[in-house]
Amino acid sequence: MWLVVGLRAAAMSMRPMPWPEVPEQTRVVARAAFPSGSLPMRLRDELGPVFADTDFLGMFGARGRPGISPAVLMLVTILQFV
């Protein structure tokens, strides 16, 4: 994503990425291990699609290291609390 600043463009530090798909083999093994699901599986399935990186682009500056996905930070924070 590029932000136009005056006559020059600056790279935004937030690089939006789509929510990663769970590989099929991982999905099969996880469902075999947890037939009724588990808290982390439910959190990812239920809350993962709620936050899109593009919704947060305005909160990230144009300089510095790339920002971490707000959706990933949300899931990590919830799991740490639980």
N, C-alpha and C. Protein backbone atom coordinates (compact mmCIF):
# COMPACT_ATOMS: atom_id res chain seq x y z
N MET A 1 0.85 -1.17 0.00
CA MET A 1 0.00 0.00 0.00
C MET A 1 0.89 1.23 0.00
N TRP A 2 0.56 2.18 -0.83
CA TRP A 2 1.34 3.41 -0.91
C TRP A 2 0.49 4.59 -0.51
N LEU A 3 1.06 5.50 0.23
CA LEU A 3 0.38 6.71 0.66
C LEU A 3 1.07 7.87 -0.04
N VAL A 4 0.32 8.69 -0.74
CA VAL A 4 0.92 9.82 -1.44
C VAL A 4 1.06 10.97 -0.45
N VAL A 5 2.29 11.44 -0.27
CA VAL A 5 2.59 12.54 0.63
C VAL A 5 3.20 13.64 -0.22
N GLY A 6 2.43 14.69 -0.44
CA GLY A 6 2.91 15.76 -1.31
C GLY A 6 3.10 15.21 -2.72
N LEU A 7 4.30 15.36 -3.26
CA LEU A 7 4.59 14.88 -4.60
C LEU A 7 5.31 13.54 -4.58
N ARG A 8 5.54 12.99 -3.41
CA ARG A 8 6.24 11.72 -3.34
C ARG A 8 5.36 10.68 -2.64
N ALA A 9 5.65 9.44 -2.87
CA ALA A 9 4.89 8.36 -2.25
C ALA A 9 5.74 7.70 -1.18
N ALA A 10 5.11 7.33 -0.09
CA ALA A 10 5.81 6.66 1.00
C ALA A 10 5.14 5.32 1.26
N ALA A 11 5.94 4.31 1.51
CA ALA A 11 5.38 2.99 1.81
C ALA A 11 4.76 3.02 3.20
N MET A 12 3.55 2.50 3.32
CA MET A 12 2.89 2.45 4.62
C MET A 12 3.50 1.31 5.42
N SER A 13 3.56 1.48 6.73
CA SER A 13 4.15 0.42 7.54
C SER A 13 3.18 -0.75 7.75
N MET A 14 1.90 -0.56 7.47
CA MET A 14 0.94 -1.67 7.55
C MET A 14 0.82 -2.29 6.18
N ARG A 15 1.13 -3.55 6.10
CA ARG A 15 1.02 -4.26 4.84
C ARG A 15 -0.14 -5.25 4.96
N PRO A 16 -1.32 -4.84 4.46
CA PRO A 16 -2.49 -5.70 4.62
C PRO A 16 -2.31 -7.06 3.96
N MET A 17 -2.72 -8.08 4.69
CA MET A 17 -2.62 -9.44 4.18
C MET A 17 -3.95 -10.14 4.43
N PRO A 18 -4.35 -11.03 3.55
CA PRO A 18 -5.58 -11.79 3.81
C PRO A 18 -5.36 -12.76 4.96
N TRP A 19 -6.45 -13.13 5.62
CA TRP A 19 -6.37 -14.09 6.71
C TRP A 19 -5.86 -15.41 6.14
N PRO A 20 -4.79 -15.98 6.70
CA PRO A 20 -4.21 -17.20 6.11
C PRO A 20 -5.16 -18.39 6.23
N GLU A 21 -5.19 -19.18 5.19
CA GLU A 21 -5.99 -20.40 5.19
C GLU A 21 -5.26 -21.49 5.98
N VAL A 22 -6.03 -22.30 6.67
CA VAL A 22 -5.45 -23.44 7.39
C VAL A 22 -5.21 -24.55 6.37
N PRO A 23 -3.99 -25.08 6.30
CA PRO A 23 -3.72 -26.17 5.35
C PRO A 23 -4.66 -27.35 5.62
N GLU A 24 -5.04 -28.04 4.57
CA GLU A 24 -6.01 -29.14 4.68
C GLU A 24 -5.54 -30.22 5.64
N GLN A 25 -4.28 -30.60 5.57
CA GLN A 25 -3.77 -31.65 6.47
C GLN A 25 -3.84 -31.19 7.92
N THR A 26 -3.54 -29.94 8.19
CA THR A 26 -3.64 -29.40 9.54
C THR A 26 -5.08 -29.44 10.02
N ARG A 27 -6.00 -29.08 9.15
CA ARG A 27 -7.43 -29.10 9.48
C ARG A 27 -7.89 -30.52 9.85
N VAL A 28 -7.46 -31.50 9.05
CA VAL A 28 -7.84 -32.90 9.29
C VAL A 28 -7.29 -33.39 10.64
N VAL A 29 -6.02 -33.10 10.91
CA VAL A 29 -5.39 -33.54 12.16
C VAL A 29 -6.05 -32.84 13.35
N ALA A 30 -6.31 -31.55 13.23
CA ALA A 30 -6.93 -30.80 14.34
C ALA A 30 -8.34 -31.33 14.63
N ARG A 31 -9.11 -31.63 13.60
CA ARG A 31 -10.47 -32.17 13.80
C ARG A 31 -10.42 -33.58 14.38
N ALA A 32 -9.39 -34.36 14.02
CA ALA A 32 -9.25 -35.70 14.59
C ALA A 32 -8.87 -35.60 16.07
N ALA A 33 -8.02 -34.66 16.43
CA ALA A 33 -7.59 -34.49 17.81
C ALA A 33 -8.68 -33.85 18.67
N PHE A 34 -9.44 -32.94 18.08
CA PHE A 34 -10.49 -32.21 18.81
C PHE A 34 -11.79 -32.28 18.00
N PRO A 35 -12.52 -33.40 18.04
CA PRO A 35 -13.72 -33.55 17.22
C PRO A 35 -14.77 -32.46 17.46
N SER A 36 -14.88 -31.99 18.69
CA SER A 36 -15.86 -30.94 18.96
C SER A 36 -15.23 -29.55 18.94
N GLY A 37 -13.99 -29.47 18.50
CA GLY A 37 -13.29 -28.18 18.43
C GLY A 37 -12.61 -27.84 19.74
N SER A 38 -11.88 -26.76 19.73
CA SER A 38 -11.20 -26.26 20.92
C SER A 38 -11.34 -24.74 20.93
N LEU A 39 -11.00 -24.12 22.03
CA LEU A 39 -11.13 -22.67 22.13
C LEU A 39 -10.32 -21.94 21.05
N PRO A 40 -9.03 -22.27 20.85
CA PRO A 40 -8.29 -21.57 19.80
C PRO A 40 -8.89 -21.77 18.40
N MET A 41 -9.40 -22.97 18.14
CA MET A 41 -10.01 -23.23 16.83
C MET A 41 -11.27 -22.38 16.65
N ARG A 42 -12.10 -22.32 17.71
CA ARG A 42 -13.32 -21.52 17.63
C ARG A 42 -13.01 -20.03 17.51
N LEU A 43 -12.01 -19.56 18.25
CA LEU A 43 -11.64 -18.15 18.16
C LEU A 43 -11.21 -17.78 16.75
N ARG A 44 -10.38 -18.61 16.16
CA ARG A 44 -9.93 -18.33 14.79
C ARG A 44 -11.09 -18.33 13.81
N ASP A 45 -11.98 -19.32 13.94
CA ASP A 45 -13.11 -19.43 13.03
C ASP A 45 -14.12 -18.30 13.22
N GLU A 46 -14.39 -17.93 14.48
CA GLU A 46 -15.42 -16.94 14.76
C GLU A 46 -14.91 -15.50 14.66
N LEU A 47 -13.73 -15.24 15.21
CA LEU A 47 -13.24 -13.86 15.28
C LEU A 47 -12.27 -13.50 14.18
N GLY A 48 -11.66 -14.48 13.55
CA GLY A 48 -10.68 -14.20 12.49
C GLY A 48 -11.20 -13.27 11.41
N PRO A 49 -12.39 -13.55 10.87
CA PRO A 49 -12.89 -12.69 9.78
C PRO A 49 -13.43 -11.34 10.23
N VAL A 50 -13.55 -11.11 11.54
CA VAL A 50 -14.14 -9.86 12.02
C VAL A 50 -13.28 -8.65 11.68
N PHE A 51 -11.97 -8.78 11.87
CA PHE A 51 -11.07 -7.66 11.63
C PHE A 51 -10.28 -7.86 10.35
N ALA A 52 -10.44 -6.95 9.41
CA ALA A 52 -9.65 -6.97 8.17
C ALA A 52 -8.53 -5.95 8.30
N ASP A 53 -7.35 -6.29 7.85
CA ASP A 53 -6.21 -5.37 7.94
C ASP A 53 -6.52 -4.03 7.29
N THR A 54 -7.27 -4.04 6.21
CA THR A 54 -7.56 -2.80 5.50
C THR A 54 -8.38 -1.83 6.34
N ASP A 55 -9.10 -2.32 7.35
CA ASP A 55 -9.87 -1.44 8.23
C ASP A 55 -8.97 -0.59 9.13
N PHE A 56 -7.70 -0.96 9.25
CA PHE A 56 -6.80 -0.31 10.19
C PHE A 56 -5.66 0.46 9.52
N LEU A 57 -5.70 0.61 8.22
CA LEU A 57 -4.59 1.26 7.51
C LEU A 57 -4.32 2.67 8.00
N GLY A 58 -5.37 3.41 8.35
CA GLY A 58 -5.20 4.78 8.80
C GLY A 58 -4.48 4.92 10.13
N MET A 59 -4.35 3.84 10.88
CA MET A 59 -3.71 3.88 12.19
C MET A 59 -2.21 3.64 12.12
N PHE A 60 -1.68 3.34 10.95
CA PHE A 60 -0.27 3.03 10.82
C PHE A 60 0.45 4.13 10.06
N GLY A 61 1.65 4.43 10.52
CA GLY A 61 2.43 5.48 9.90
C GLY A 61 3.03 5.06 8.57
N ALA A 62 3.75 5.98 7.97
CA ALA A 62 4.35 5.72 6.67
C ALA A 62 5.81 5.30 6.80
N ARG A 63 6.33 5.26 8.01
CA ARG A 63 7.74 4.90 8.20
C ARG A 63 7.85 3.82 9.25
N GLY A 64 8.99 3.22 9.31
CA GLY A 64 9.25 2.23 10.36
C GLY A 64 9.04 0.81 9.88
N ARG A 65 9.19 -0.10 10.84
CA ARG A 65 9.02 -1.52 10.55
C ARG A 65 7.57 -1.80 10.19
N PRO A 66 7.33 -2.84 9.41
CA PRO A 66 5.95 -3.19 9.08
C PRO A 66 5.16 -3.52 10.34
N GLY A 67 3.92 -3.04 10.37
CA GLY A 67 3.05 -3.31 11.50
C GLY A 67 2.57 -4.76 11.50
N ILE A 68 2.22 -5.25 12.67
CA ILE A 68 1.68 -6.60 12.80
C ILE A 68 0.18 -6.52 12.59
N SER A 69 -0.38 -7.53 11.96
CA SER A 69 -1.80 -7.56 11.67
C SER A 69 -2.63 -7.37 12.92
N PRO A 70 -3.59 -6.43 12.92
CA PRO A 70 -4.47 -6.24 14.08
C PRO A 70 -5.26 -7.51 14.42
N ALA A 71 -5.64 -8.28 13.43
CA ALA A 71 -6.39 -9.52 13.69
C ALA A 71 -5.52 -10.52 14.44
N VAL A 72 -4.27 -10.64 14.07
CA VAL A 72 -3.35 -11.55 14.76
C VAL A 72 -3.12 -11.08 16.18
N LEU A 73 -2.92 -9.78 16.36
CA LEU A 73 -2.72 -9.23 17.70
C LEU A 73 -3.94 -9.47 18.58
N MET A 74 -5.13 -9.33 18.01
CA MET A 74 -6.36 -9.56 18.75
C MET A 74 -6.44 -11.01 19.24
N LEU A 75 -6.16 -11.97 18.36
CA LEU A 75 -6.22 -13.37 18.75
C LEU A 75 -5.17 -13.72 19.80
N VAL A 76 -3.98 -13.20 19.64
CA VAL A 76 -2.91 -13.46 20.61
C VAL A 76 -3.29 -12.89 21.97
N THR A 77 -3.84 -11.69 21.99
CA THR A 77 -4.23 -11.06 23.25
C THR A 77 -5.32 -11.87 23.95
N ILE A 78 -6.31 -12.32 23.21
CA ILE A 78 -7.39 -13.11 23.80
C ILE A 78 -6.84 -14.43 24.34
N LEU A 79 -6.01 -15.11 23.57
CA LEU A 79 -5.45 -16.38 24.02
C LEU A 79 -4.57 -16.21 25.26
N GLN A 80 -3.83 -15.12 25.34
CA GLN A 80 -3.02 -14.87 26.53
C GLN A 80 -3.91 -14.64 27.75
N PHE A 81 -5.01 -13.93 27.56
CA PHE A 81 -5.92 -13.67 28.66
C PHE A 81 -6.56 -14.97 29.16
N VAL A 82 -6.97 -15.81 28.21
CA VAL A 82 -7.61 -17.08 28.57
C VAL A 82 -6.59 -17.99 29.21
